[in-house]
Amino acid sequence: MTRVNTVIVVVPVHNEAALLDRCLRAVAEAVDMAAGHGIRCIVRIVLDDCSDASAAIASRFAFPTIAIAAGNVGLDHTVRNALKL
């Protein structure tokens, strides 16, 4: 069995203020749990043309963010932008 050493997590966000805090708390908990097992996690939050409080909420966490204005075009575009960080 192959051991996983690194996990990349991309969180696409388009006006998700109502759910984002809860989501990022869960991601932070998962990252801590993974670290306890020797797994490195790379987390990127991609803020796609947000007009709500999503950016402010994301800034309360230690994860890097990137702001794009793609207009909620979906996961593929979001992931490609996140990996540019």
Protein backbone atom coordinates (compact mmCIF):
# COMPACT_ATOMS: atom_id res chain seq x y z
CA MET A 1 0.00 0.00 0.00
CA THR A 2 1.29 3.47 -0.92
CA ARG A 3 1.58 5.97 1.91
CA VAL A 4 0.18 9.45 1.31
CA ASN A 5 2.60 12.17 2.43
CA THR A 6 0.86 15.27 1.12
CA VAL A 7 -2.76 16.24 0.50
CA ILE A 8 -3.85 19.31 -1.45
CA VAL A 9 -7.20 20.84 -0.50
CA VAL A 10 -8.80 23.53 -2.67
CA VAL A 11 -11.85 25.30 -1.28
CA PRO A 12 -13.74 27.09 -4.07
CA VAL A 13 -15.79 29.98 -2.68
CA HIS A 14 -18.43 32.12 -4.38
CA ASN A 15 -20.49 34.08 -1.84
CA GLU A 16 -20.44 31.33 0.78
CA ALA A 17 -20.47 33.51 3.91
CA ALA A 18 -23.30 31.54 5.51
CA LEU A 19 -21.33 28.26 5.45
CA LEU A 20 -17.68 29.23 5.12
CA ASP A 21 -16.71 29.53 8.79
CA ARG A 22 -18.05 26.06 9.55
CA CYS A 23 -16.38 24.64 6.45
CA LEU A 24 -12.97 26.12 7.23
CA ARG A 25 -13.15 25.03 10.86
CA ALA A 26 -13.70 21.48 9.62
CA VAL A 27 -10.78 21.81 7.20
CA ALA A 28 -8.55 23.13 10.00
CA GLU A 29 -9.52 20.19 12.21
CA ALA A 30 -8.79 17.74 9.40
CA VAL A 31 -5.41 19.38 8.74
CA ASP A 32 -4.49 19.04 12.42
CA MET A 33 -5.57 15.41 12.45
CA ALA A 34 -3.58 14.66 9.28
CA ALA A 35 -0.50 16.38 10.73
CA GLY A 36 -0.74 14.07 13.71
CA HIS A 37 -0.32 11.18 11.27
CA GLY A 38 2.61 12.78 9.45
CA ILE A 39 0.58 13.98 6.48
CA ARG A 40 1.28 17.46 5.15
CA CYS A 41 -1.76 19.41 3.95
CA ILE A 42 -1.64 22.28 1.49
CA VAL A 43 -4.86 24.30 1.67
CA ARG A 44 -5.87 27.05 -0.74
CA ILE A 45 -9.06 29.09 -0.53
CA VAL A 46 -10.10 30.50 -3.91
CA LEU A 47 -12.44 33.47 -3.57
CA ASP A 48 -14.27 33.75 -6.87
CA ASP A 49 -15.81 37.19 -7.36
CA CYS A 50 -17.29 37.26 -3.85
CA SER A 51 -19.50 40.20 -2.90
CA ASP A 52 -20.39 39.00 0.59
CA ALA A 53 -18.30 38.54 3.75
CA SER A 54 -16.50 35.43 2.44
CA ALA A 55 -13.10 37.16 2.18
CA ALA A 56 -13.34 38.50 5.73
CA ILE A 57 -14.28 35.08 7.05
CA ALA A 58 -11.46 33.37 5.14
CA SER A 59 -8.94 35.90 6.49
CA ARG A 60 -9.56 34.62 10.03
CA PHE A 61 -7.88 31.33 9.11
CA ALA A 62 -4.21 30.60 8.44
CA PHE A 63 -4.88 29.28 4.94
CA PRO A 64 -3.65 31.28 1.93
CA THR A 65 -6.33 32.80 -0.25
CA ILE A 66 -6.44 33.87 -3.85
CA ALA A 67 -9.08 36.19 -5.27
CA ILE A 68 -10.22 35.68 -8.83
CA ALA A 69 -13.02 37.15 -10.90
CA ALA A 70 -13.97 34.14 -12.96
CA GLY A 71 -17.64 34.34 -12.13
CA ASN A 72 -18.27 30.99 -10.45
CA VAL A 73 -17.15 28.91 -13.43
CA GLY A 74 -16.60 25.70 -11.51
CA LEU A 75 -14.10 23.41 -9.94
CA ASP A 76 -11.71 22.90 -12.86
CA HIS A 77 -10.98 26.61 -13.24
CA THR A 78 -10.75 27.06 -9.47
CA VAL A 79 -8.24 24.26 -9.04
CA ARG A 80 -6.03 25.55 -11.86
CA ASN A 81 -5.96 29.01 -10.22
CA ALA A 82 -5.29 27.60 -6.76
CA LEU A 83 -2.31 25.60 -7.95
CA LYS A 84 -0.68 28.77 -9.27
CA LEU A 85 -0.05 29.90 -5.66
